[in-house]
C-alpha atoms as a PDB file:
ATOM      1  CA  MET A   1      14.083   7.949  11.798  1.00  0.00           C
ATOM      2  CA  ARG A   2      17.031   8.024  14.450  1.00  0.00           C
ATOM      3  CA  PRO A   3      20.095   6.744  12.867  1.00  0.00           C
ATOM      4  CA  ASP A   4      20.870   3.951  15.380  1.00  0.00           C
ATOM      5  CA  SER A   5      17.247   2.121  14.863  1.00  0.00           C
ATOM      6  CA  ALA A   6      17.489  -0.465  12.263  1.00  0.00           C
ATOM      7  CA  ARG A   7      14.427  -1.516  10.519  1.00  0.00           C
ATOM      8  CA  PRO A   8      13.577  -4.889   9.507  1.00  0.00           C
ATOM      9  CA  ALA A   9      12.766  -5.511   5.578  1.00  0.00           C
ATOM     10  CA  TYR A  10       9.407  -5.651   4.807  1.00  0.00           C
ATOM     11  CA  ARG A  11       8.393  -9.217   3.155  1.00  0.00           C
ATOM     12  CA  GLY A  12       8.404  -9.369  -0.369  1.00  0.00           C
ATOM     13  CA  ALA A  13      11.386  -7.053  -1.043  1.00  0.00           C
ATOM     14  CA  GLY A  14      14.571  -8.057  -3.092  1.00  0.00           C
ATOM     15  CA  GLN A  15      17.508  -8.669  -1.199  1.00  0.00           C
ATOM     16  CA  SER A  16      20.096  -8.509  -4.134  1.00  0.00           C
ATOM     17  CA  GLY A  17      23.787  -7.123  -3.593  1.00  0.00           C
ATOM     18  CA  ALA A  18      23.376  -4.734  -6.623  1.00  0.00           C
ATOM     19  CA  GLU A  19      23.305  -1.043  -6.736  1.00  0.00           C
ATOM     20  CA  TYR A  20      19.474  -0.470  -6.838  1.00  0.00           C
ATOM     21  CA  HIS A  21      18.353   2.856  -8.528  1.00  0.00           C
ATOM     22  CA  PHE A  22      15.024   4.161  -8.130  1.00  0.00           C
ATOM     23  CA  PRO A  23      12.618   3.575 -10.729  1.00  0.00           C
ATOM     24  CA  PRO A  24       9.380   5.665 -10.745  1.00  0.00           C
ATOM     25  CA  GLY A  25       6.497   4.078  -8.899  1.00  0.00           C
ATOM     26  CA  HIS A  26       9.003   1.740  -6.563  1.00  0.00           C
ATOM     27  CA  LEU A  27       9.367   3.985  -3.656  1.00  0.00           C
ATOM     28  CA  GLY A  28       8.699   0.786  -1.388  1.00  0.00           C
ATOM     29  CA  SER A  29      11.276  -1.294  -2.617  1.00  0.00           C
ATOM     30  CA  TRP A  30      13.713   1.813  -2.521  1.00  0.00           C
ATOM     31  CA  LEU A  31      12.844   2.609   0.787  1.00  0.00           C
ATOM     32  CA  ASN A  32      13.635  -1.042   1.924  1.00  0.00           C
ATOM     33  CA  GLN A  33      16.582  -0.946   0.586  1.00  0.00           C
ATOM     34  CA  HIS A  34      17.479   2.172   2.533  1.00  0.00           C
ATOM     35  CA  ARG A  35      15.511   1.653   5.690  1.00  0.00           C
ATOM     36  CA  ASN A  36      18.594   2.025   7.875  1.00  0.00           C
ATOM     37  CA  MET A  37      19.663   5.525   7.038  1.00  0.00           C
ATOM     38  CA  PRO A  38      18.633   8.715   8.784  1.00  0.00           C
ATOM     39  CA  LEU A  39      15.572  10.457   7.170  1.00  0.00           C
ATOM     40  CA  ALA A  40      17.910  13.471   5.980  1.00  0.00           C
ATOM     41  CA  ASN A  41      20.298  10.840   3.991  1.00  0.00           C
ATOM     42  CA  GLN A  42      17.354   9.344   2.622  1.00  0.00           C
ATOM     43  CA  GLU A  43      16.217  12.465   1.327  1.00  0.00           C
ATOM     44  CA  LYS A  44      19.442  13.410  -0.061  1.00  0.00           C
ATOM     45  CA  LEU A  45      19.599  10.054  -1.832  1.00  0.00           C
ATOM     46  CA  LEU A  46      16.423  10.135  -3.417  1.00  0.00           C
ATOM     47  CA  GLN A  47      16.903  13.806  -4.699  1.00  0.00           C
ATOM     48  CA  SER A  48      20.178  12.661  -6.291  1.00  0.00           C
ATOM     49  CA  ALA A  49      18.632   9.590  -7.973  1.00  0.00           C
ATOM     50  CA  PRO A  50      18.417  10.225 -11.696  1.00  0.00           C
ATOM     51  CA  SER A  51      15.208   8.535 -12.030  1.00  0.00           C
ATOM     52  CA  PHE A  52      14.058  10.681  -9.327  1.00  0.00           C
ATOM     53  CA  GLN A  53      15.267  13.792 -11.156  1.00  0.00           C
ATOM     54  CA  ARG A  54      13.242  12.845 -14.528  1.00  0.00           C
ATOM     55  CA  LEU A  55      10.327  13.027 -12.554  1.00  0.00           C
ATOM     56  CA  PRO A  56       7.878  16.103 -12.763  1.00  0.00           C
ATOM     57  CA  LYS A  57       8.557  18.274  -9.783  1.00  0.00           C
ATOM     58  CA  PRO A  58       4.895  17.698  -8.613  1.00  0.00           C
ATOM     59  CA  ALA A  59       5.555  13.861  -8.595  1.00  0.00           C
ATOM     60  CA  GLN A  60       9.172  14.663  -6.916  1.00  0.00           C
ATOM     61  CA  GLN A  61       7.220  16.887  -4.033  1.00  0.00           C
ATOM     62  CA  ARG A  62       4.667  14.061  -3.442  1.00  0.00           C
ATOM     63  CA  LEU A  63       7.415  11.108  -3.091  1.00  0.00           C
ATOM     64  CA  MET A  64       9.373  13.332  -0.718  1.00  0.00           C
ATOM     65  CA  GLN A  65       6.265  13.633   1.305  1.00  0.00           C
ATOM     66  CA  GLN A  66       5.523  10.123   1.289  1.00  0.00           C
ATOM     67  CA  LEU A  67       9.101   9.601   2.308  1.00  0.00           C
ATOM     68  CA  ARG A  68       8.529  11.643   5.379  1.00  0.00           C
ATOM     69  CA  GLN A  69       5.200  10.197   6.188  1.00  0.00           C
ATOM     70  CA  VAL A  70       6.328   6.708   6.227  1.00  0.00           C
ATOM     71  CA  ASP A  71       9.251   7.401   8.390  1.00  0.00           C
ATOM     72  CA  GLN A  72       7.003   8.924  10.829  1.00  0.00           C
ATOM     73  CA  MET A  73       4.865   5.546  10.744  1.00  0.00           C
ATOM     74  CA  PRO A  74       5.040   3.124  13.423  1.00  0.00           C
ATOM     75  CA  PRO A  75       7.030  -0.091  12.277  1.00  0.00           C
ATOM     76  CA  GLN A  76       3.892  -2.219  11.689  1.00  0.00           C
ATOM     77  CA  GLN A  77       1.802   0.452   9.663  1.00  0.00           C
ATOM     78  CA  ARG A  78       4.895   1.035   7.833  1.00  0.00           C
ATOM     79  CA  GLU A  79       5.543  -2.382   6.873  1.00  0.00           C
ATOM     80  CA  ARG A  80       1.708  -2.617   5.912  1.00  0.00           C
ATOM     81  CA  ARG A  81       1.729   0.274   3.707  1.00  0.00           C
ATOM     82  CA  LEU A  82       5.173  -0.642   1.893  1.00  0.00           C
ATOM     83  CA  ALA A  83       3.462  -4.237   1.126  1.00  0.00           C
ATOM     84  CA  ARG A  84       0.191  -2.588   0.087  1.00  0.00           C
ATOM     85  CA  ALA A  85       2.439  -0.358  -2.458  1.00  0.00           C
ATOM     86  CA  GLU A  86       4.424  -3.197  -3.708  1.00  0.00           C
ATOM     87  CA  MET A  87       0.939  -5.017  -4.360  1.00  0.00           C
ATOM     88  CA  ILE A  88      -0.229  -1.962  -6.240  1.00  0.00           C
ATOM     89  CA  GLU A  89       3.090  -1.899  -8.642  1.00  0.00           C
ATOM     90  CA  HIS A  90       2.356  -5.261  -9.626  1.00  0.00           C
ATOM     91  CA  MET A  91      -1.006  -4.789 -10.460  1.00  0.00           C
ATOM     92  CA  SER A  92      -2.245  -4.737 -14.034  1.00  0.00           C
ATOM     93  CA  PRO A  93      -3.311  -1.515 -15.184  1.00  0.00           C
ATOM     94  CA  GLN A  94      -7.012  -2.625 -15.470  1.00  0.00           C
ATOM     95  CA  ASP A  95      -6.639  -3.727 -11.825  1.00  0.00           C
ATOM     96  CA  ARG A  96      -5.262  -0.436 -10.844  1.00  0.00           C
ATOM     97  CA  ALA A  97      -8.122   1.451 -12.757  1.00  0.00           C
ATOM     98  CA  ALA A  98     -10.712  -1.049 -11.013  1.00  0.00           C
ATOM     99  CA  LEU A  99      -8.884   0.057  -7.808  1.00  0.00           C
ATOM    100  CA  GLY A 100      -9.080   3.593  -8.199  1.00  0.00           C
ATOM    101  CA  HIS A 101     -12.920   3.565  -9.685  1.00  0.00           C
ATOM    102  CA  SER A 102     -13.852   1.546  -6.191  1.00  0.00           C
ATOM    103  CA  MET A 103     -12.152   3.957  -4.159  1.00  0.00           C
ATOM    104  CA  HIS A 104     -14.307   6.451  -5.713  1.00  0.00           C
ATOM    105  CA  GLU A 105     -17.367   4.398  -5.385  1.00  0.00           C
ATOM    106  CA  LEU A 106     -16.511   4.079  -1.686  1.00  0.00           C
ATOM    107  CA  SER A 107     -16.421   7.797  -0.988  1.00  0.00           C
ATOM    108  CA  ALA A 108     -19.729   8.190  -2.889  1.00  0.00           C
ATOM    109  CA  LEU A 109     -21.700   6.019  -0.485  1.00  0.00           C
ATOM    110  CA  PRO A 110     -23.888   7.181   2.265  1.00  0.00           C
ATOM    111  CA  PRO A 111     -21.944   7.539   5.430  1.00  0.00           C
ATOM    112  CA  ASP A 112     -23.778   4.458   6.971  1.00  0.00           C
ATOM    113  CA  ARG A 113     -22.744   2.183   4.079  1.00  0.00           C
ATOM    114  CA  LYS A 114     -19.345   3.619   4.021  1.00  0.00           C
ATOM    115  CA  ALA A 115     -18.713   2.524   7.645  1.00  0.00           C
ATOM    116  CA  MET A 116     -20.121  -0.912   7.084  1.00  0.00           C
ATOM    117  CA  LEU A 117     -17.834  -1.517   3.895  1.00  0.00           C
ATOM    118  CA  ARG A 118     -14.967  -0.190   6.135  1.00  0.00           C
ATOM    119  CA  SER A 119     -15.613  -2.627   8.966  1.00  0.00           C
ATOM    120  CA  ALA A 120     -15.905  -5.227   6.452  1.00  0.00           C
ATOM    121  CA  PHE A 121     -12.746  -4.165   4.980  1.00  0.00           C
ATOM    122  CA  ARG A 122     -11.003  -4.121   8.415  1.00  0.00           C
ATOM    123  CA  ASP A 123     -12.209  -7.657   9.029  1.00  0.00           C
ATOM    124  CA  LEU A 124     -11.079  -9.321   5.663  1.00  0.00           C
ATOM    125  CA  ARG A 125      -7.756  -7.897   6.212  1.00  0.00           C
ATOM    126  CA  GLY A 126      -7.300 -10.441   8.627  1.00  0.00           C
ATOM    127  CA  VAL A 127      -8.612 -13.379   6.174  1.00  0.00           C
ATOM    128  CA  PRO A 128      -5.839 -15.112   4.199  1.00  0.00           C
ATOM    129  CA  VAL A 129      -5.771 -13.486   0.603  1.00  0.00           C
ATOM    130  CA  ASP A 130      -6.768 -16.744  -1.079  1.00  0.00           C
ATOM    131  CA  GLN A 131     -10.103 -16.999   1.048  1.00  0.00           C
ATOM    132  CA  ARG A 132     -11.349 -13.252   0.943  1.00  0.00           C
ATOM    133  CA  GLN A 133     -13.352 -14.238  -2.244  1.00  0.00           C
ATOM    134  CA  THR A 134     -15.146 -16.979  -0.397  1.00  0.00           C
ATOM    135  CA  VAL A 135     -15.900 -14.822   2.626  1.00  0.00           C
ATOM    136  CA  ILE A 136     -17.371 -11.915   0.274  1.00  0.00           C
ATOM    137  CA  ASP A 137     -19.396 -14.339  -1.901  1.00  0.00           C
ATOM    138  CA  SER A 138     -20.860 -15.989   1.473  1.00  0.00           C
ATOM    139  CA  LYS A 139     -24.554 -15.742   1.765  1.00  0.00           C
ATOM    140  CA  GLN A 140     -23.988 -13.763   4.987  1.00  0.00           C
ATOM    141  CA  TYR A 141     -22.372 -10.887   2.674  1.00  0.00           C
ATOM    142  CA  GLN A 142     -24.699 -11.371  -0.173  1.00  0.00           C
ATOM    143  CA  ARG A 143     -27.610 -10.593   2.376  1.00  0.00           C
ATOM    144  CA  GLN A 144     -25.618  -7.547   3.981  1.00  0.00           C
ATOM    145  CA  PHE A 145     -24.146  -5.914   0.867  1.00  0.00           C
ATOM    146  CA  SER A 146     -25.014  -5.207  -2.621  1.00  0.00           C
ATOM    147  CA  PRO A 147     -23.044  -6.796  -5.478  1.00  0.00           C
ATOM    148  CA  GLU A 148     -21.597  -3.224  -6.123  1.00  0.00           C
ATOM    149  CA  GLU A 149     -20.467  -3.163  -2.461  1.00  0.00           C
ATOM    150  CA  ARG A 150     -19.119  -6.533  -2.457  1.00  0.00           C
ATOM    151  CA  ASN A 151     -17.290  -5.545  -5.839  1.00  0.00           C
ATOM    152  CA  ILE A 152     -15.792  -2.380  -3.918  1.00  0.00           C
ATOM    153  CA  LEU A 153     -14.464  -4.889  -1.368  1.00  0.00           C
ATOM    154  CA  THR A 154     -12.957  -7.251  -3.857  1.00  0.00           C
ATOM    155  CA  ASN A 155     -11.089  -4.528  -5.878  1.00  0.00           C
ATOM    156  CA  LEU A 156      -9.531  -2.688  -2.568  1.00  0.00           C
ATOM    157  CA  LEU A 157      -8.760  -6.218  -0.736  1.00  0.00           C
ATOM    158  CA  LYS A 158      -6.553  -6.799  -4.182  1.00  0.00           C
ATOM    159  CA  ALA A 159      -3.982  -4.240  -3.036  1.00  0.00           C
ATOM    160  CA  GLU A 160      -3.934  -5.071   0.864  1.00  0.00           C
ATOM    161  CA  PRO A 161      -1.788  -7.421   2.556  1.00  0.00           C
ATOM    162  CA  TYR A 162      -3.019 -10.065   4.835  1.00  0.00           C
ATOM    163  CA  GLU A 163      -2.710  -9.052   8.293  1.00  0.00           C
ATOM    164  CA  ALA A 164      -2.827 -11.987  10.791  1.00  0.00           C
ATOM    165  CA  ALA A 165      -5.025 -11.384  14.171  1.00  0.00           C
ATOM    166  CA  LYS A 166      -2.901 -10.249  17.040  1.00  0.00           C
END
């Protein structure tokens, strides 16, 4: 990130003036709080956070890698990624488990079915969150997808922010 480029806050982030300490699993919130810093400064600050230091080394390395990846993303992609991370953080353990299970099920599908689900997923991102299940339960989707495939879509979309049509 260039030091002179300010990034807008991503929607849904808290904007309190209190000092923010990075809790494990809340990289999205931490990134939003420090979005105007150059990457090198973000790395140093993250590495010095007590809650980061308490993480196992592999988790620290994974977070540092995510920090670098997010820094390289175009603004719109970065915002969606951070919003998705925030949604996952607020999921119940059962919903997170269902999400992981559905990701595994998707990866095990034949290539043609996987491609159809990915296409439907992209389309459904553009449907407001409160209307997605209605589309998934529609006759068209019932004809096109099995109950298991519709369940995969339902679970994956629980972690996907709404993306208005461009």
